[in-house]
């Protein structure tokens, strides 16, 4: 019998199979089907001795998105001995934030011993867009030893749109890890933080950070100023042969001033030195 020939009831029974592979497959498929009838059976196996099954069940509940999943997932987040299972629960809760539950357990999870749990808790808090999470996320951004957590905290602060995050996010533009700096730029763009413009202009000329800084500046500056700033950065980066960064500027600039963007794109298409980039440029806009 193939998986497509089985019924929902049979997959629910498979959650109790003696074969761990069958149990995990059943949880995964029940999540993919998204039927609310599977919620209670999946909640029941969150207490299984099988760590992999608990993790698969949390992932399946994320797909079904039923309010009844919230209390048991919060319990898993707080008490499960496996960091991987706790992390999966935090991630699942991110997709249930529309139900407006108490986010305190997610805030507490920012202090978890394992970075995956902290990272996923930050993601869930960003999805919640709750201002109650701002100060804990700022603390994670500035103090967490793991860059994955700091990166996600920066992103989350951008989603929440609270002005208290501006100064910490500007500080994060000097973080030693690129991913944190890129997400800080994104968040500052979301917040339309005018005070960040000078720092973002510097980041604009760093090829690895050009795209995110350009996007942020396009949100912060008025169109005329943004067009001029991005055009000047394009010219400097072109002289240094950072063509991928130039293409990123063109793509963002098109929504700011399509005439300038078209002109800069044409300057690359007219130069045979950049022939290898022509296909990408042709499909740009």
C-alpha atoms as a PDB file:
ATOM      1  CA  UNK A   1       0.000   0.000   0.000  1.00  0.00           C
ATOM      2  CA  UNK A   2       1.454   3.377  -0.972  1.00  0.00           C
ATOM      3  CA  UNK A   3       1.175   6.504   1.119  1.00  0.00           C
ATOM      4  CA  UNK A   4      -1.437   7.829  -1.322  1.00  0.00           C
ATOM      5  CA  UNK A   5      -3.643   4.785  -0.798  1.00  0.00           C
ATOM      6  CA  UNK A   6      -3.866   5.189   2.960  1.00  0.00           C
ATOM      7  CA  UNK A   7      -6.632   7.080   4.717  1.00  0.00           C
ATOM      8  CA  UNK A   8      -6.307   9.775   7.339  1.00  0.00           C
ATOM      9  CA  UNK A   9      -7.350   7.294  10.016  1.00  0.00           C
ATOM     10  CA  UNK A  10      -4.640   4.868   8.946  1.00  0.00           C
ATOM     11  CA  UNK A  11      -1.947   7.539   9.196  1.00  0.00           C
ATOM     12  CA  UNK A  12      -3.229   8.468  12.638  1.00  0.00           C
ATOM     13  CA  UNK A  13      -2.908   4.802  13.656  1.00  0.00           C
ATOM     14  CA  UNK A  14       0.599   4.768  12.191  1.00  0.00           C
ATOM     15  CA  UNK A  15       1.652   7.315  14.816  1.00  0.00           C
ATOM     16  CA  UNK A  16       1.621   4.352  17.222  1.00  0.00           C
ATOM     17  CA  UNK A  17       3.536   1.982  14.943  1.00  0.00           C
ATOM     18  CA  UNK A  18       6.445   0.024  16.389  1.00  0.00           C
ATOM     19  CA  UNK A  19       8.536   1.159  13.418  1.00  0.00           C
ATOM     20  CA  UNK A  20       9.984   4.644  14.102  1.00  0.00           C
ATOM     21  CA  UNK A  21      10.261   5.415  10.382  1.00  0.00           C
ATOM     22  CA  UNK A  22       6.563   4.746   9.895  1.00  0.00           C
ATOM     23  CA  UNK A  23       5.678   6.928  12.883  1.00  0.00           C
ATOM     24  CA  UNK A  24       7.694   9.878  11.586  1.00  0.00           C
ATOM     25  CA  UNK A  25       6.393   9.434   8.049  1.00  0.00           C
ATOM     26  CA  UNK A  26       2.829   9.441   9.390  1.00  0.00           C
ATOM     27  CA  UNK A  27       3.401  12.668  11.353  1.00  0.00           C
ATOM     28  CA  UNK A  28       4.936  14.352   8.325  1.00  0.00           C
ATOM     29  CA  UNK A  29       2.115  13.347   5.985  1.00  0.00           C
ATOM     30  CA  UNK A  30      -0.565  14.344   8.481  1.00  0.00           C
ATOM     31  CA  UNK A  31       1.025  17.779   8.608  1.00  0.00           C
ATOM     32  CA  UNK A  32       1.066  18.006   4.830  1.00  0.00           C
ATOM     33  CA  UNK A  33      -2.607  17.055   4.661  1.00  0.00           C
ATOM     34  CA  UNK A  34      -3.464  19.799   7.159  1.00  0.00           C
ATOM     35  CA  UNK A  35      -6.612  18.121   8.477  1.00  0.00           C
ATOM     36  CA  UNK A  36      -7.761  19.283  11.924  1.00  0.00           C
ATOM     37  CA  UNK A  37      -8.676  15.694  12.823  1.00  0.00           C
ATOM     38  CA  UNK A  38      -4.965  15.013  13.165  1.00  0.00           C
ATOM     39  CA  UNK A  39      -4.364  17.724  15.772  1.00  0.00           C
ATOM     40  CA  UNK A  40      -5.218  15.726  18.902  1.00  0.00           C
ATOM     41  CA  UNK A  41      -3.281  12.591  17.822  1.00  0.00           C
ATOM     42  CA  UNK A  42      -0.260  14.739  16.996  1.00  0.00           C
ATOM     43  CA  UNK A  43      -0.514  16.548  20.327  1.00  0.00           C
ATOM     44  CA  UNK A  44      -0.592  13.170  22.060  1.00  0.00           C
ATOM     45  CA  UNK A  45       2.706  12.082  20.538  1.00  0.00           C
ATOM     46  CA  UNK A  46       4.431  15.281  21.689  1.00  0.00           C
ATOM     47  CA  UNK A  47       4.986  13.300  24.899  1.00  0.00           C
ATOM     48  CA  UNK A  48       6.440  10.274  23.090  1.00  0.00           C
ATOM     49  CA  UNK A  49       9.796   8.844  24.187  1.00  0.00           C
ATOM     50  CA  UNK A  50      10.870   9.113  20.539  1.00  0.00           C
ATOM     51  CA  UNK A  51      12.611  12.483  20.171  1.00  0.00           C
ATOM     52  CA  UNK A  52      12.401  12.394  16.385  1.00  0.00           C
ATOM     53  CA  UNK A  53       8.668  11.747  16.529  1.00  0.00           C
ATOM     54  CA  UNK A  54       8.148  14.648  18.935  1.00  0.00           C
ATOM     55  CA  UNK A  55      10.018  16.895  16.565  1.00  0.00           C
ATOM     56  CA  UNK A  56       8.048  15.666  13.551  1.00  0.00           C
ATOM     57  CA  UNK A  57       4.773  16.170  15.423  1.00  0.00           C
ATOM     58  CA  UNK A  58       5.664  19.761  16.284  1.00  0.00           C
ATOM     59  CA  UNK A  59       6.491  20.372  12.649  1.00  0.00           C
ATOM     60  CA  UNK A  60       3.189  18.833  11.564  1.00  0.00           C
ATOM     61  CA  UNK A  61       1.215  21.015  13.969  1.00  0.00           C
ATOM     62  CA  UNK A  62       2.932  24.025  12.426  1.00  0.00           C
ATOM     63  CA  UNK A  63       1.470  23.034   9.057  1.00  0.00           C
ATOM     64  CA  UNK A  64      -2.071  22.488  10.380  1.00  0.00           C
ATOM     65  CA  UNK A  65      -2.149  25.830  12.259  1.00  0.00           C
ATOM     66  CA  UNK A  66      -4.864  24.990  14.756  1.00  0.00           C
ATOM     67  CA  UNK A  67      -5.281  27.043  17.950  1.00  0.00           C
ATOM     68  CA  UNK A  68      -5.449  23.877  20.068  1.00  0.00           C
ATOM     69  CA  UNK A  69      -1.792  23.242  19.296  1.00  0.00           C
ATOM     70  CA  UNK A  70      -0.588  26.321  21.177  1.00  0.00           C
ATOM     71  CA  UNK A  71      -0.673  25.175  24.853  1.00  0.00           C
ATOM     72  CA  UNK A  72       1.042  21.818  24.172  1.00  0.00           C
ATOM     73  CA  UNK A  73       3.679  23.463  21.976  1.00  0.00           C
ATOM     74  CA  UNK A  74       4.370  26.037  24.698  1.00  0.00           C
ATOM     75  CA  UNK A  75       4.787  23.167  27.168  1.00  0.00           C
ATOM     76  CA  UNK A  76       7.263  21.508  24.810  1.00  0.00           C
ATOM     77  CA  UNK A  77       9.149  24.781  24.429  1.00  0.00           C
ATOM     78  CA  UNK A  78       9.523  25.083  28.174  1.00  0.00           C
ATOM     79  CA  UNK A  79      10.108  21.486  29.225  1.00  0.00           C
ATOM     80  CA  UNK A  80      11.248  19.167  26.443  1.00  0.00           C
ATOM     81  CA  UNK A  81      14.766  17.818  27.183  1.00  0.00           C
ATOM     82  CA  UNK A  82      15.806  17.968  23.510  1.00  0.00           C
ATOM     83  CA  UNK A  83      16.978  21.345  22.173  1.00  0.00           C
ATOM     84  CA  UNK A  84      16.042  20.268  18.649  1.00  0.00           C
ATOM     85  CA  UNK A  85      12.461  19.563  19.745  1.00  0.00           C
ATOM     86  CA  UNK A  86      12.261  22.842  21.685  1.00  0.00           C
ATOM     87  CA  UNK A  87      13.557  24.661  18.610  1.00  0.00           C
ATOM     88  CA  UNK A  88      10.929  23.000  16.418  1.00  0.00           C
ATOM     89  CA  UNK A  89       8.220  24.005  18.873  1.00  0.00           C
ATOM     90  CA  UNK A  90       9.407  27.626  18.817  1.00  0.00           C
ATOM     91  CA  UNK A  91       9.413  27.575  15.033  1.00  0.00           C
ATOM     92  CA  UNK A  92       5.922  26.069  14.939  1.00  0.00           C
ATOM     93  CA  UNK A  93       4.610  28.747  17.297  1.00  0.00           C
ATOM     94  CA  UNK A  94       5.780  31.403  14.831  1.00  0.00           C
ATOM     95  CA  UNK A  95       3.048  30.227  12.469  1.00  0.00           C
ATOM     96  CA  UNK A  96       0.392  30.380  15.164  1.00  0.00           C
ATOM     97  CA  UNK A  97       0.954  33.990  16.268  1.00  0.00           C
ATOM     98  CA  UNK A  98      -2.248  35.083  14.512  1.00  0.00           C
ATOM     99  CA  UNK A  99      -4.056  33.612  17.528  1.00  0.00           C
ATOM    100  CA  UNK A 100      -2.514  36.256  19.808  1.00  0.00           C
ATOM    101  CA  UNK A 101      -1.375  33.991  22.649  1.00  0.00           C
ATOM    102  CA  UNK A 102       0.849  34.968  25.571  1.00  0.00           C
ATOM    103  CA  UNK A 103       4.392  35.342  24.182  1.00  0.00           C
ATOM    104  CA  UNK A 104       6.136  35.195  27.555  1.00  0.00           C
ATOM    105  CA  UNK A 105       7.384  31.609  26.988  1.00  0.00           C
ATOM    106  CA  UNK A 106       8.961  32.738  23.703  1.00  0.00           C
ATOM    107  CA  UNK A 107      10.627  35.658  25.469  1.00  0.00           C
ATOM    108  CA  UNK A 108      11.926  33.274  28.126  1.00  0.00           C
ATOM    109  CA  UNK A 109      13.232  31.015  25.343  1.00  0.00           C
ATOM    110  CA  UNK A 110      15.622  33.798  24.290  1.00  0.00           C
ATOM    111  CA  UNK A 111      17.660  32.652  27.305  1.00  0.00           C
ATOM    112  CA  UNK A 112      17.651  28.961  26.321  1.00  0.00           C
ATOM    113  CA  UNK A 113      20.967  27.125  26.493  1.00  0.00           C
ATOM    114  CA  UNK A 114      20.826  26.213  22.805  1.00  0.00           C
ATOM    115  CA  UNK A 115      21.184  28.796  20.048  1.00  0.00           C
ATOM    116  CA  UNK A 116      18.652  27.083  17.773  1.00  0.00           C
ATOM    117  CA  UNK A 117      15.935  27.582  20.363  1.00  0.00           C
ATOM    118  CA  UNK A 118      16.925  31.222  20.870  1.00  0.00           C
ATOM    119  CA  UNK A 119      17.058  31.826  17.130  1.00  0.00           C
ATOM    120  CA  UNK A 120      13.632  30.314  16.502  1.00  0.00           C
ATOM    121  CA  UNK A 121      12.146  32.122  19.490  1.00  0.00           C
ATOM    122  CA  UNK A 122      13.390  35.410  18.011  1.00  0.00           C
ATOM    123  CA  UNK A 123      11.814  34.473  14.686  1.00  0.00           C
ATOM    124  CA  UNK A 124       8.487  33.718  16.359  1.00  0.00           C
ATOM    125  CA  UNK A 125       8.584  36.995  18.269  1.00  0.00           C
ATOM    126  CA  UNK A 126       9.175  38.853  15.038  1.00  0.00           C
ATOM    127  CA  UNK A 127       6.208  37.098  13.474  1.00  0.00           C
ATOM    128  CA  UNK A 128       4.093  38.088  16.475  1.00  0.00           C
ATOM    129  CA  UNK A 129       4.894  41.795  15.945  1.00  0.00           C
ATOM    130  CA  UNK A 130       4.287  42.369  19.646  1.00  0.00           C
ATOM    131  CA  UNK A 131       5.940  45.395  21.248  1.00  0.00           C
ATOM    132  CA  UNK A 132       6.336  43.429  24.474  1.00  0.00           C
ATOM    133  CA  UNK A 133       9.170  41.577  22.727  1.00  0.00           C
ATOM    134  CA  UNK A 134      11.213  44.659  21.775  1.00  0.00           C
ATOM    135  CA  UNK A 135      13.451  45.002  24.825  1.00  0.00           C
ATOM    136  CA  UNK A 136      14.231  41.252  25.087  1.00  0.00           C
ATOM    137  CA  UNK A 137      15.058  41.200  21.368  1.00  0.00           C
ATOM    138  CA  UNK A 138      17.316  44.236  21.726  1.00  0.00           C
ATOM    139  CA  UNK A 139      19.123  42.439  24.532  1.00  0.00           C
ATOM    140  CA  UNK A 140      19.542  39.382  22.305  1.00  0.00           C
ATOM    141  CA  UNK A 141      20.775  41.541  19.423  1.00  0.00           C
ATOM    142  CA  UNK A 142      23.449  43.215  21.493  1.00  0.00           C
ATOM    143  CA  UNK A 143      24.480  40.444  23.870  1.00  0.00           C
ATOM    144  CA  UNK A 144      23.804  36.977  22.498  1.00  0.00           C
ATOM    145  CA  UNK A 145      27.074  35.164  21.828  1.00  0.00           C
ATOM    146  CA  UNK A 146      25.667  33.374  18.773  1.00  0.00           C
ATOM    147  CA  UNK A 147      25.422  35.355  15.543  1.00  0.00           C
ATOM    148  CA  UNK A 148      22.440  33.333  14.293  1.00  0.00           C
ATOM    149  CA  UNK A 149      20.411  34.560  17.240  1.00  0.00           C
ATOM    150  CA  UNK A 150      21.626  38.150  16.783  1.00  0.00           C
ATOM    151  CA  UNK A 151      20.763  37.967  13.082  1.00  0.00           C
ATOM    152  CA  UNK A 152      17.224  36.800  13.796  1.00  0.00           C
ATOM    153  CA  UNK A 153      16.770  39.348  16.563  1.00  0.00           C
ATOM    154  CA  UNK A 154      17.679  42.124  14.095  1.00  0.00           C
ATOM    155  CA  UNK A 155      15.172  40.809  11.567  1.00  0.00           C
ATOM    156  CA  UNK A 156      12.479  40.500  14.230  1.00  0.00           C
ATOM    157  CA  UNK A 157      12.964  44.093  15.381  1.00  0.00           C
ATOM    158  CA  UNK A 158      12.401  45.228  11.818  1.00  0.00           C
ATOM    159  CA  UNK A 159       9.113  43.333  11.723  1.00  0.00           C
ATOM    160  CA  UNK A 160       7.862  44.877  14.959  1.00  0.00           C
ATOM    161  CA  UNK A 161       8.482  48.495  13.858  1.00  0.00           C
ATOM    162  CA  UNK A 162       9.273  49.997  17.238  1.00  0.00           C
ATOM    163  CA  UNK A 163      11.497  53.104  17.278  1.00  0.00           C
ATOM    164  CA  UNK A 164      13.262  51.890  20.435  1.00  0.00           C
ATOM    165  CA  UNK A 165      15.160  49.473  18.212  1.00  0.00           C
ATOM    166  CA  UNK A 166      16.797  52.127  16.012  1.00  0.00           C
ATOM    167  CA  UNK A 167      19.890  52.872  18.117  1.00  0.00           C
ATOM    168  CA  UNK A 168      20.649  49.190  18.860  1.00  0.00           C
ATOM    169  CA  UNK A 169      20.185  48.309  15.187  1.00  0.00           C
ATOM    170  CA  UNK A 170      22.603  51.075  14.192  1.00  0.00           C
ATOM    171  CA  UNK A 171      25.094  49.591  16.618  1.00  0.00           C
ATOM    172  CA  UNK A 172      24.517  46.198  14.981  1.00  0.00           C
ATOM    173  CA  UNK A 173      25.658  47.623  11.631  1.00  0.00           C
ATOM    174  CA  UNK A 174      29.179  47.149  13.007  1.00  0.00           C
ATOM    175  CA  UNK A 175      28.602  43.566  14.182  1.00  0.00           C
ATOM    176  CA  UNK A 176      31.498  41.252  13.233  1.00  0.00           C
ATOM    177  CA  UNK A 177      29.161  38.935  11.321  1.00  0.00           C
ATOM    178  CA  UNK A 178      27.843  39.867   7.887  1.00  0.00           C
ATOM    179  CA  UNK A 179      24.441  38.236   8.388  1.00  0.00           C
ATOM    180  CA  UNK A 180      23.773  40.407  11.434  1.00  0.00           C
ATOM    181  CA  UNK A 181      24.804  43.579   9.599  1.00  0.00           C
ATOM    182  CA  UNK A 182      22.591  42.715   6.624  1.00  0.00           C
ATOM    183  CA  UNK A 183      19.541  42.090   8.792  1.00  0.00           C
ATOM    184  CA  UNK A 184      20.206  45.244  10.790  1.00  0.00           C
ATOM    185  CA  UNK A 185      20.172  47.207   7.528  1.00  0.00           C
ATOM    186  CA  UNK A 186      16.900  45.532   6.543  1.00  0.00           C
ATOM    187  CA  UNK A 187      15.346  46.378   9.910  1.00  0.00           C
ATOM    188  CA  UNK A 188      16.467  50.006   9.755  1.00  0.00           C
ATOM    189  CA  UNK A 189      14.864  50.263   6.330  1.00  0.00           C
ATOM    190  CA  UNK A 190      11.630  48.856   7.735  1.00  0.00           C
ATOM    191  CA  UNK A 191      11.794  51.469  10.493  1.00  0.00           C
ATOM    192  CA  UNK A 192      12.621  54.242   7.992  1.00  0.00           C
ATOM    193  CA  UNK A 193      15.355  55.332  10.388  1.00  0.00           C
ATOM    194  CA  UNK A 194      16.720  58.577   8.944  1.00  0.00           C
ATOM    195  CA  UNK A 195      19.478  58.696  11.556  1.00  0.00           C
ATOM    196  CA  UNK A 196      20.925  55.481  10.096  1.00  0.00           C
ATOM    197  CA  UNK A 197      21.448  56.951   6.616  1.00  0.00           C
ATOM    198  CA  UNK A 198      25.143  57.930   7.099  1.00  0.00           C
ATOM    199  CA  UNK A 199      26.070  54.449   8.301  1.00  0.00           C
ATOM    200  CA  UNK A 200      24.063  52.812   5.540  1.00  0.00           C
ATOM    201  CA  UNK A 201      25.792  54.951   2.917  1.00  0.00           C
ATOM    202  CA  UNK A 202      29.108  53.521   4.127  1.00  0.00           C
ATOM    203  CA  UNK A 203      27.716  50.003   4.015  1.00  0.00           C
ATOM    204  CA  UNK A 204      26.453  50.688   0.495  1.00  0.00           C
ATOM    205  CA  UNK A 205      30.042  50.724  -0.776  1.00  0.00           C
ATOM    206  CA  UNK A 206      30.867  47.334   0.745  1.00  0.00           C
ATOM    207  CA  UNK A 207      29.980  44.800  -1.987  1.00  0.00           C
ATOM    208  CA  UNK A 208      28.705  42.145   0.438  1.00  0.00           C
ATOM    209  CA  UNK A 209      26.377  44.677   2.051  1.00  0.00           C
ATOM    210  CA  UNK A 210      25.380  46.754  -0.974  1.00  0.00           C
ATOM    211  CA  UNK A 211      22.041  45.096  -1.664  1.00  0.00           C
ATOM    212  CA  UNK A 212      20.653  45.418   1.862  1.00  0.00           C
ATOM    213  CA  UNK A 213      21.998  48.931   2.405  1.00  0.00           C
ATOM    214  CA  UNK A 214      20.590  50.052  -0.951  1.00  0.00           C
ATOM    215  CA  UNK A 215      17.168  48.659  -0.093  1.00  0.00           C
ATOM    216  CA  UNK A 216      17.200  50.343   3.317  1.00  0.00           C
ATOM    217  CA  UNK A 217      18.231  53.702   1.857  1.00  0.00           C
ATOM    218  CA  UNK A 218      15.491  53.436  -0.746  1.00  0.00           C
ATOM    219  CA  UNK A 219      13.003  53.272   2.134  1.00  0.00           C
ATOM    220  CA  UNK A 220      14.619  55.977   4.278  1.00  0.00           C
ATOM    221  CA  UNK A 221      15.526  58.720   1.782  1.00  0.00           C
ATOM    222  CA  UNK A 222      13.192  60.624  -0.487  1.00  0.00           C
ATOM    223  CA  UNK A 223      13.215  59.381  -4.078  1.00  0.00           C
ATOM    224  CA  UNK A 224      15.390  62.124  -5.503  1.00  0.00           C
ATOM    225  CA  UNK A 225      18.054  61.795  -2.811  1.00  0.00           C
ATOM    226  CA  UNK A 226      17.947  58.009  -2.901  1.00  0.00           C
ATOM    227  CA  UNK A 227      18.347  58.043  -6.693  1.00  0.00           C
ATOM    228  CA  UNK A 228      21.419  60.246  -6.479  1.00  0.00           C
ATOM    229  CA  UNK A 229      22.996  58.278  -3.637  1.00  0.00           C
ATOM    230  CA  UNK A 230      22.482  54.932  -5.354  1.00  0.00           C
ATOM    231  CA  UNK A 231      23.731  56.258  -8.706  1.00  0.00           C
ATOM    232  CA  UNK A 232      26.932  57.593  -7.100  1.00  0.00           C
ATOM    233  CA  UNK A 233      27.496  54.289  -5.314  1.00  0.00           C
ATOM    234  CA  UNK A 234      26.978  52.420  -8.595  1.00  0.00           C
ATOM    235  CA  UNK A 235      29.684  54.486 -10.281  1.00  0.00           C
ATOM    236  CA  UNK A 236      32.189  53.907  -7.489  1.00  0.00           C
ATOM    237  CA  UNK A 237      31.502  50.178  -7.356  1.00  0.00           C
ATOM    238  CA  UNK A 238      31.728  49.891 -11.133  1.00  0.00           C
ATOM    239  CA  UNK A 239      35.185  51.475 -11.082  1.00  0.00           C
ATOM    240  CA  UNK A 240      36.226  48.804  -8.594  1.00  0.00           C
ATOM    241  CA  UNK A 241      34.658  46.124 -10.814  1.00  0.00           C
ATOM    242  CA  UNK A 242      32.056  45.014  -8.263  1.00  0.00           C
ATOM    243  CA  UNK A 243      29.475  44.271 -10.928  1.00  0.00           C
ATOM    244  CA  UNK A 244      27.202  42.044  -8.856  1.00  0.00           C
ATOM    245  CA  UNK A 245      26.822  44.924  -6.409  1.00  0.00           C
ATOM    246  CA  UNK A 246      26.095  47.267  -9.319  1.00  0.00           C
ATOM    247  CA  UNK A 247      23.375  44.933 -10.564  1.00  0.00           C
ATOM    248  CA  UNK A 248      21.835  44.848  -7.084  1.00  0.00           C
ATOM    249  CA  UNK A 249      21.731  48.644  -7.070  1.00  0.00           C
ATOM    250  CA  UNK A 250      20.087  48.704 -10.505  1.00  0.00           C
ATOM    251  CA  UNK A 251      17.386  46.319  -9.370  1.00  0.00           C
ATOM    252  CA  UNK A 252      16.517  48.409  -6.308  1.00  0.00           C
ATOM    253  CA  UNK A 253      16.955  51.717  -8.107  1.00  0.00           C
ATOM    254  CA  UNK A 254      14.350  50.788 -10.707  1.00  0.00           C
ATOM    255  CA  UNK A 255      11.584  51.259  -8.111  1.00  0.00           C
ATOM    256  CA  UNK A 256      13.097  54.580  -7.028  1.00  0.00           C
ATOM    257  CA  UNK A 257      13.888  56.170 -10.405  1.00  0.00           C
ATOM    258  CA  UNK A 258      13.507  53.865 -13.380  1.00  0.00           C
ATOM    259  CA  UNK A 259      15.188  56.332 -15.746  1.00  0.00           C
ATOM    260  CA  UNK A 260      18.413  56.341 -13.751  1.00  0.00           C
ATOM    261  CA  UNK A 261      18.219  52.582 -13.396  1.00  0.00           C
ATOM    262  CA  UNK A 262      17.770  52.127 -17.158  1.00  0.00           C
ATOM    263  CA  UNK A 263      20.740  54.409 -17.832  1.00  0.00           C
ATOM    264  CA  UNK A 264      23.028  52.530 -15.459  1.00  0.00           C
ATOM    265  CA  UNK A 265      21.934  49.184 -16.831  1.00  0.00           C
ATOM    266  CA  UNK A 266      22.650  50.429 -20.366  1.00  0.00           C
ATOM    267  CA  UNK A 267      26.162  51.489 -19.333  1.00  0.00           C
ATOM    268  CA  UNK A 268      26.913  47.882 -18.423  1.00  0.00           C
ATOM    269  CA  UNK A 269      25.264  46.443 -21.525  1.00  0.00           C
ATOM    270  CA  UNK A 270      27.332  48.734 -23.737  1.00  0.00           C
ATOM    271  CA  UNK A 271      30.616  47.564 -22.264  1.00  0.00           C
ATOM    272  CA  UNK A 272      31.961  44.291 -23.661  1.00  0.00           C
ATOM    273  CA  UNK A 273      34.003  43.805 -20.507  1.00  0.00           C
ATOM    274  CA  UNK A 274      30.764  42.833 -18.798  1.00  0.00           C
ATOM    275  CA  UNK A 275      29.446  40.523 -21.512  1.00  0.00           C
ATOM    276  CA  UNK A 276      29.210  37.605 -19.090  1.00  0.00           C
ATOM    277  CA  UNK A 277      26.657  39.631 -17.104  1.00  0.00           C
ATOM    278  CA  UNK A 278      24.491  40.592 -20.079  1.00  0.00           C
ATOM    279  CA  UNK A 279      21.954  37.740 -19.711  1.00  0.00           C
ATOM    280  CA  UNK A 280      21.360  38.680 -16.078  1.00  0.00           C
ATOM    281  CA  UNK A 281      21.130  42.354 -16.991  1.00  0.00           C
ATOM    282  CA  UNK A 282      18.701  41.718 -19.833  1.00  0.00           C
ATOM    283  CA  UNK A 283      16.284  39.987 -17.449  1.00  0.00           C
ATOM    284  CA  UNK A 284      16.703  42.560 -14.688  1.00  0.00           C
ATOM    285  CA  UNK A 285      13.700  44.709 -15.622  1.00  0.00           C
END
